[in-house]
Every structure is written in structure tokens, then in C-alpha cells.
Amino acid sequence: MTVGPPDAPQGASGEEFVDLQTHTTASDGALSPTLVVQAAKSAGLVAIAITDHDNLDGLGEAAAAGEANGVRIVAGVELSTHFGDDELHLLGLHLSDLDSMKASLVGFQQDRIKRAEQIVAVLNKSGIPVTLGAVMHEAGDGSVGRPHIARAMVQGGWVRDFREAFDKWLGGSRAAFIPKPRFDVAEGIALVHRAGGLAIWAHPGESASHARVQRLAEVGLDGVEVLHPSHPPLLSKKLLSTVEQLELVPSGGSDWHGTLDGYRKLGGQSVPREWLDMQDARVSARKERRT
């Protein structure tokens, strides 16, 4: 198995491609689920995963749009967990028991609101009079997060753009950075499994040594996001080798949030349909073991 080059033309060799990490307005994406699906159709993708942060609200609309556009929708979510002292983002893909997952996510969404309140309070003390109401307006019906605070700051004229908001105020170690509540990765993996899904380590970067992936596999990790815009080709090849050695499944996605600029491009990672087939096989095998 080889790792395809980023930004390869979709369908140029007759191969089918998928994108297994996308975000919509149900969390911090810029486009509705319907528009994300239509963009996937235009990009020539045969399947996408909707993986909003701590939120499944976009899945129903996405499924309807997928059926209308001939694009398969993989039900997913992105969770923020901790592995030791490090934050680790976990994708839950192929979720089948959505009610179980939704019930668990209620607390996550409440924690997000509390965190937004804390960040707004710090900004106010620092002379930036952004309000929680303005932030929640930017979030709409989605799960509130730092991007919504950044948008409210831009709208208020207190920063020029997203980059300044994060570089000066909201990024890690900056004045208004508030860490997320700790949620152990093993608990996150168990939560995904209870909902019938696969637990995938999202955009792990250089931290995904063979030993660390093996430790996570021992507590149920199913796979690793091999292809991601932040991964250079050599790292992707290294991650794929680790996945194969540990008999896990590879995944990949653009982490697209709907913007037309920047280095994230829907379908730009050229994730092969074969990887989705491997994930399907793992889901089926787990179901067979339970029956």
C-alpha cells in the first residue's frame, strides 16, 4: 500500500477517493452540512465523514444531502481527549448508535459553553469588550469553540483576522487560552466503541511514535489518521507503516472547515477508497464477534 500525493487530481487514474474528516456549521465549520456534501460531490469524492466537534446535529441533514448527491456519508464526531499530559484528538467514525453518543455529548457541550464564558471574562479584563452573546451568535446552533470567539473578535474590530486572534489571545499559552476539561483517551475510545464506531487518532503529527500508538492500541484504538494537511509525506509513510505493523486501519482527511483559502482543501489528501473499505471490514468483524 502506498501513500498518495496531496492535491492529486480526483479520479485522474480512475481511483476513487474519500475524505474522512470534515466539519460543518454544527460545530465550527463555515458551511452547512448540505453545502459540504455538495462540495464533496463537486470534488469527485465518493464518500466523506462528517466529524463535527462534540456534536452530531449535522448528520441528519448530511445524510439526506448525501443520498440526493450520490455521496456516502460516514457518521462521525471529533472528541478532545488527553493521553497523559498531552491533548489528543480522537475521531469516532462509523457511529451507529447515535442516541448513545448524543447523550454522552451533552456534558461536553456544556463544558464548551463554560470554557467560552471563561475566555470571554479574560478578554474583558484585558480590555476587549467582546460579549458571550456575540460569541454564541457566531456559534449559532453549533458547538461553541475558540473559532467562534475569534469571529466575534474580528466582527467587533478588536483584531484584524483569525490569525491575530489566535496568535495574540486564543492560542496555546496565550493570555486568553483556557485548557479544555481533561477527558482520558481510554474513556473516549470506550465511548466511541459503545456507539458502534471506530476510534481513530486524528492528526497525530510527530507525537505518534510506534510505542505510543501501540499503547493506545492496547486500550482499543482502531486506527490512525495517516493523511492530514499537517503531515509531510515522510511522516505519512511512517504512520502508515506503524498502522500496518500493528494491524490497525489507516484513515485520512482534509480537516476541512469550509474555507476556500488556506492549506486545507476538501479532498486534497487523496485518501483512497480502499482505506474506507478496510474500516468497513473492521466494523463488520467487530459486529460478528459480538453476535
Protein backbone atom coordinates (compact mmCIF):
# COMPACT_ATOMS: atom_id res chain seq x y z
CA MET A 1 0.00 0.00 0.00
CA THR A 2 1.31 3.46 -0.90
CA VAL A 3 0.51 6.93 0.32
CA GLY A 4 -0.81 9.13 -2.46
CA PRO A 5 0.49 12.64 -3.07
CA PRO A 6 -1.51 15.53 -1.60
CA ASP A 7 -3.63 17.53 -4.05
CA ALA A 8 -3.60 14.83 -6.73
CA PRO A 9 -6.42 15.37 -9.26
CA GLN A 10 -9.52 13.50 -8.16
CA GLY A 11 -10.14 10.47 -10.35
CA ALA A 12 -7.10 11.16 -12.55
CA SER A 13 -6.14 7.46 -12.55
CA GLY A 14 -9.65 6.07 -12.25
CA GLU A 15 -9.20 5.58 -8.48
CA GLU A 16 -11.98 6.65 -6.13
CA PHE A 17 -11.23 8.97 -3.23
CA VAL A 18 -12.81 9.81 0.12
CA ASP A 19 -12.33 12.44 2.82
CA LEU A 20 -12.79 11.17 6.36
CA GLN A 21 -12.59 14.41 8.36
CA THR A 22 -14.83 17.39 7.56
CA HIS A 23 -16.63 19.98 9.67
CA THR A 24 -19.91 21.85 9.25
CA THR A 25 -21.85 24.64 10.94
CA ALA A 26 -22.93 22.05 13.53
CA SER A 27 -19.59 22.88 15.18
CA ASP A 28 -17.03 25.35 13.85
CA GLY A 29 -17.32 24.86 10.09
CA ALA A 30 -18.30 27.68 7.76
CA LEU A 31 -20.76 25.72 5.58
CA SER A 32 -23.97 23.83 6.27
CA PRO A 33 -23.93 20.02 6.02
CA THR A 34 -25.76 20.25 2.68
CA LEU A 35 -23.18 22.60 1.22
CA VAL A 36 -20.31 20.43 2.48
CA VAL A 37 -21.84 17.42 0.74
CA GLN A 38 -22.37 19.37 -2.47
CA ALA A 39 -18.74 20.49 -2.33
CA ALA A 40 -17.71 16.84 -1.92
CA LYS A 41 -19.74 15.93 -4.99
CA SER A 42 -18.05 18.70 -6.96
CA ALA A 43 -14.64 17.45 -5.78
CA GLY A 44 -15.39 13.99 -7.15
CA LEU A 45 -15.41 12.29 -3.75
CA VAL A 46 -17.44 9.11 -3.30
CA ALA A 47 -17.67 9.41 0.49
CA ILE A 48 -16.99 11.85 3.31
CA ALA A 49 -17.12 11.65 7.09
CA ILE A 50 -18.86 14.44 8.97
CA THR A 51 -16.80 14.84 12.15
CA ASP A 52 -18.03 17.91 13.99
CA HIS A 53 -16.59 18.70 17.40
CA ASP A 54 -18.67 17.11 20.19
CA ASN A 55 -21.77 17.34 18.01
CA LEU A 56 -23.86 15.04 15.80
CA ASP A 57 -26.52 17.58 14.83
CA GLY A 58 -25.35 17.88 11.23
CA LEU A 59 -25.57 14.18 10.43
CA GLY A 60 -29.26 14.02 9.53
CA GLU A 61 -29.05 16.86 7.03
CA ALA A 62 -25.78 15.47 5.64
CA ALA A 63 -27.29 12.01 5.16
CA ALA A 64 -30.21 13.46 3.19
CA ALA A 65 -27.86 15.54 1.06
CA GLY A 66 -25.59 12.54 0.55
CA GLU A 67 -28.47 10.46 -0.76
CA ALA A 68 -29.51 13.26 -3.12
CA ASN A 69 -25.97 13.76 -4.42
CA GLY A 70 -24.74 10.18 -4.51
CA VAL A 71 -22.10 10.73 -1.82
CA ARG A 72 -21.79 8.26 1.04
CA ILE A 73 -21.87 9.89 4.48
CA VAL A 74 -19.90 8.31 7.31
CA ALA A 75 -21.35 9.31 10.68
CA GLY A 76 -18.57 10.70 12.83
CA VAL A 77 -17.52 13.04 15.62
CA GLU A 78 -14.27 14.61 16.85
CA LEU A 79 -13.53 14.43 20.58
CA SER A 80 -10.82 16.21 22.56
CA THR A 81 -9.18 13.77 24.96
CA HIS A 82 -5.95 13.52 26.95
CA PHE A 83 -3.20 10.94 26.74
CA GLY A 84 -1.11 11.59 29.83
CA ASP A 85 -0.39 15.33 29.81
CA ASP A 86 -0.95 15.69 26.07
CA GLU A 87 -4.18 16.62 24.32
CA LEU A 88 -5.19 14.01 21.77
CA HIS A 89 -7.99 14.49 19.24
CA LEU A 90 -9.98 11.35 18.63
CA LEU A 91 -12.26 10.72 15.66
CA GLY A 92 -15.22 8.42 16.13
CA LEU A 93 -16.09 7.08 12.67
CA HIS A 94 -18.90 4.74 11.52
CA LEU A 95 -21.09 5.56 14.51
CA SER A 96 -24.30 3.52 14.51
CA ASP A 97 -25.83 4.19 17.94
CA LEU A 98 -26.22 7.95 17.62
CA ASP A 99 -28.57 8.24 20.60
CA SER A 100 -25.92 6.76 22.89
CA MET A 101 -23.29 9.19 21.63
CA LYS A 102 -25.62 12.21 21.79
CA ALA A 103 -26.44 11.51 25.42
CA SER A 104 -22.74 11.47 26.26
CA LEU A 105 -22.04 14.67 24.33
CA VAL A 106 -24.48 16.82 26.34
CA GLY A 107 -21.89 17.29 29.07
CA PHE A 108 -19.18 18.07 26.51
CA GLN A 109 -21.27 20.87 25.02
CA GLN A 110 -21.96 22.35 28.47
CA ASP A 111 -18.21 22.30 29.15
CA ARG A 112 -17.66 24.18 25.88
CA ILE A 113 -20.05 26.95 26.98
CA LYS A 114 -18.33 27.23 30.38
CA ARG A 115 -14.95 27.47 28.66
CA ALA A 116 -16.24 30.20 26.32
CA GLU A 117 -17.52 32.14 29.35
CA GLN A 118 -14.10 31.90 30.99
CA ILE A 119 -12.27 33.05 27.85
CA VAL A 120 -14.66 35.99 27.38
CA ALA A 121 -14.08 37.01 31.01
CA VAL A 122 -10.30 37.03 30.49
CA LEU A 123 -10.65 39.06 27.29
CA ASN A 124 -12.92 41.56 29.05
CA LYS A 125 -10.37 42.04 31.84
CA SER A 126 -7.75 42.59 29.15
CA GLY A 127 -9.72 45.42 27.58
CA ILE A 128 -11.55 43.56 24.81
CA PRO A 129 -15.30 44.02 25.45
CA VAL A 130 -16.49 41.03 23.41
CA THR A 131 -19.66 39.50 24.87
CA LEU A 132 -20.73 35.91 25.32
CA GLY A 133 -23.87 36.79 23.37
CA ALA A 134 -21.79 37.79 20.35
CA VAL A 135 -19.81 34.57 20.60
CA MET A 136 -22.94 32.43 20.84
CA HIS A 137 -24.38 34.31 17.86
CA GLU A 138 -21.34 33.25 15.83
CA ALA A 139 -21.77 29.66 17.02
CA GLY A 140 -25.46 29.56 16.11
CA ASP A 141 -26.74 26.04 16.72
CA GLY A 142 -23.22 24.59 16.64
CA SER A 143 -20.86 23.59 19.43
CA VAL A 144 -19.16 26.78 20.58
CA GLY A 145 -15.39 26.92 20.36
CA ARG A 146 -12.43 29.28 20.02
CA PRO A 147 -13.09 29.91 16.28
CA HIS A 148 -16.42 31.47 17.22
CA ILE A 149 -14.72 33.71 19.77
CA ALA A 150 -12.20 34.70 17.11
CA ARG A 151 -15.02 35.56 14.68
CA ALA A 152 -16.72 37.72 17.31
CA MET A 153 -13.41 39.49 17.95
CA VAL A 154 -12.97 40.17 14.23
CA GLN A 155 -16.56 41.40 13.92
CA GLY A 156 -16.01 43.75 16.85
CA GLY A 157 -12.87 45.17 15.27
CA TRP A 158 -10.57 44.17 18.14
CA VAL A 159 -8.36 42.02 15.91
CA ARG A 160 -7.74 42.09 12.17
CA ASP A 161 -8.28 38.41 11.46
CA PHE A 162 -8.30 34.85 12.83
CA ARG A 163 -4.53 34.65 12.86
CA GLU A 164 -4.16 37.69 15.10
CA ALA A 165 -6.91 36.42 17.42
CA PHE A 166 -5.13 33.12 17.97
CA ASP A 167 -1.54 34.39 17.84
CA LYS A 168 -2.19 37.15 20.35
CA TRP A 169 -5.03 35.88 22.53
CA LEU A 170 -6.55 32.44 21.98
CA GLY A 171 -3.70 30.13 21.04
CA GLY A 172 -1.99 27.77 23.48
CA SER A 173 -0.10 29.65 26.23
CA ARG A 174 -1.61 33.00 25.13
CA ALA A 175 -3.31 35.36 27.57
CA ALA A 176 -6.88 34.14 26.99
CA PHE A 177 -6.14 30.45 26.49
CA ILE A 178 -8.20 28.23 28.77
CA PRO A 179 -7.46 24.49 28.58
CA LYS A 180 -10.31 22.08 27.95
CA PRO A 181 -11.52 19.82 30.77
CA ARG A 182 -9.50 16.62 30.87
CA PHE A 183 -11.09 13.52 29.33
CA ASP A 184 -8.93 10.43 29.20
CA VAL A 185 -8.36 8.91 25.77
CA ALA A 186 -9.27 5.43 27.02
CA GLU A 187 -12.68 6.77 28.06
CA GLY A 188 -13.05 8.39 24.65
CA ILE A 189 -12.22 5.14 22.87
CA ALA A 190 -14.74 3.26 25.01
CA LEU A 191 -17.38 5.91 24.26
CA VAL A 192 -16.84 5.52 20.51
CA HIS A 193 -17.00 1.74 20.75
CA ARG A 194 -20.26 1.86 22.71
CA ALA A 195 -21.71 3.88 19.82
CA GLY A 196 -20.61 1.18 17.38
CA GLY A 197 -17.77 3.20 15.87
CA LEU A 198 -14.05 3.06 15.22
CA ALA A 199 -11.67 5.18 17.30
CA ILE A 200 -9.08 6.96 15.13
CA TRP A 201 -6.20 9.14 16.36
CA ALA A 202 -6.71 12.42 14.49
CA HIS A 203 -3.76 14.39 13.01
CA PRO A 204 -1.23 12.93 15.48
CA GLY A 205 1.83 14.53 13.90
CA GLU A 206 5.29 13.55 15.08
CA SER A 207 3.96 12.52 18.50
CA ALA A 208 2.67 9.23 17.10
CA SER A 209 5.68 7.06 17.73
CA HIS A 210 5.29 3.33 17.24
CA ALA A 211 5.39 2.83 21.03
CA ARG A 212 2.64 5.40 21.69
CA VAL A 213 0.36 4.02 19.01
CA GLN A 214 0.92 0.52 20.40
CA ARG A 215 -0.03 1.68 23.91
CA LEU A 216 -3.23 3.18 22.55
CA ALA A 217 -3.97 0.06 20.53
CA GLU A 218 -3.80 -1.89 23.79
CA VAL A 219 -6.74 0.18 25.11
CA GLY A 220 -8.74 -0.18 21.91
CA LEU A 221 -7.51 2.34 19.34
CA ASP A 222 -8.62 1.19 15.89
CA GLY A 223 -6.55 3.36 13.62
CA VAL A 224 -4.56 6.50 12.87
CA GLU A 225 -5.21 9.45 10.58
CA VAL A 226 -2.26 8.90 8.26
CA LEU A 227 -3.07 11.59 5.70
CA HIS A 228 -3.74 15.11 7.01
CA PRO A 229 -2.73 18.56 5.71
CA SER A 230 -0.30 18.98 8.62
CA HIS A 231 1.55 15.74 7.80
CA PRO A 232 4.51 15.86 5.39
CA PRO A 233 4.79 12.84 3.05
CA LEU A 234 7.60 11.18 5.02
CA LEU A 235 5.57 11.31 8.23
CA SER A 236 2.53 9.84 6.46
CA LYS A 237 4.64 6.94 5.21
CA LYS A 238 5.98 6.36 8.72
CA LEU A 239 2.48 6.39 10.20
CA LEU A 240 1.19 4.01 7.56
CA SER A 241 4.00 1.58 8.35
CA THR A 242 3.11 1.71 12.05
CA VAL A 243 -0.58 1.14 11.29
CA GLU A 244 0.20 -1.88 9.14
CA GLN A 245 2.60 -3.40 11.68
CA LEU A 246 0.04 -3.07 14.48
CA GLU A 247 -2.83 -4.33 12.29
CA LEU A 248 -4.82 -1.13 12.68
CA VAL A 249 -6.71 0.73 9.96
CA PRO A 250 -5.48 3.85 8.16
CA SER A 251 -7.60 6.95 7.78
CA GLY A 252 -7.19 10.37 6.27
CA GLY A 253 -8.96 13.65 5.74
CA SER A 254 -8.62 17.30 4.92
CA ASP A 255 -9.98 18.56 8.27
CA TRP A 256 -11.90 20.97 6.04
CA HIS A 257 -13.90 23.70 7.76
CA GLY A 258 -15.42 25.15 4.60
CA THR A 259 -12.99 27.95 3.87
CA LEU A 260 -11.74 28.47 0.31
CA ASP A 261 -8.31 29.76 1.31
CA GLY A 262 -5.59 28.18 3.41
CA TYR A 263 -3.82 24.85 3.09
CA ARG A 264 -6.84 22.65 3.86
CA LYS A 265 -8.68 21.63 0.71
CA LEU A 266 -11.63 19.25 0.58
CA GLY A 267 -10.40 16.01 -0.98
CA GLY A 268 -6.88 17.37 -1.21
CA GLN A 269 -5.32 14.45 0.67
CA SER A 270 -6.37 11.89 -1.97
CA VAL A 271 -7.45 9.32 0.60
CA PRO A 272 -8.09 6.05 -1.30
CA ARG A 273 -11.49 4.34 -1.17
CA GLU A 274 -9.55 1.22 -0.16
CA TRP A 275 -8.98 2.71 3.30
CA LEU A 276 -12.71 3.18 3.80
CA ASP A 277 -13.25 -0.44 2.74
CA MET A 278 -10.72 -1.54 5.37
CA GLN A 279 -12.60 0.40 8.02
CA ASP A 280 -15.90 -1.15 6.92
CA ALA A 281 -14.33 -4.60 7.27
CA ARG A 282 -13.16 -3.83 10.82
CA VAL A 283 -16.64 -2.61 11.79
CA SER A 284 -18.21 -5.77 10.35
CA ALA A 285 -15.71 -8.03 12.10
CA ARG A 286 -16.44 -6.39 15.46
CA LYS A 287 -20.19 -6.83 14.96
CA GLU A 288 -19.69 -10.50 14.14
CA ARG A 289 -17.66 -11.02 17.33
CA ARG A 290 -20.48 -9.51 19.40
CA THR A 291 -23.16 -11.79 17.93
